[in-house]
């Protein structure tokens, strides 16, 4: 596949890029910091902002899939999806947030009284993005929410996939490494099983 990653030099975007390259895919991407040293050799890197909706159609044209690994608080589904459509790409994968997952029926992590305020703008933006994405019916999108603890770590290849509920382990922790998240992302891109759905991942 030819995969274009928005936010390719970020922590998650870089790991998805590495996983894609290891599987033999061709990777290009967009990043505010276009230092070639931040991506492996052979990656076509473009400097720019994800909100350059007028340029995105030309940047993504010819790719099989677009991955969004940028801050969702800054992006709007209407404009981004429109740009992807105009670029002729029908597959969109979004690195989502965990705050919109339910920890109990009808109760989201975002609604907890002790939800960290510094994370609220991005969490609310990611939820808004998901809500708007769910209205899109003419694009094959997938939105993968990570576990509550989401950091660089080990690539184990062992994890569970779920839906709209927060996944926790036997000790009550909800965690996943960015490396294992990247595996699930590429699995979904190669063999889609969550089209027009949000799904989640954790150990």
Foldseek 3Di string as FASTA:
>chain_A
DEEEEEACLDPLNVLLLVVCVVVPYQYEYEECDQDVVSHDPRYHYDHDHLPPLVCLLVVCAPGAEYEYPDQLLPDACVSNVVSCVSNVHQEYEYAAEQQQAAQDVPHGNLPDPVDDPVCNSSNVSRVNRLVVLLVDDRGFYEYEYEAPAEEADDQDLDKDKAARHHDADPVRGWYDYSNVVSVVRVVCVVPNDATSGYMYMGD
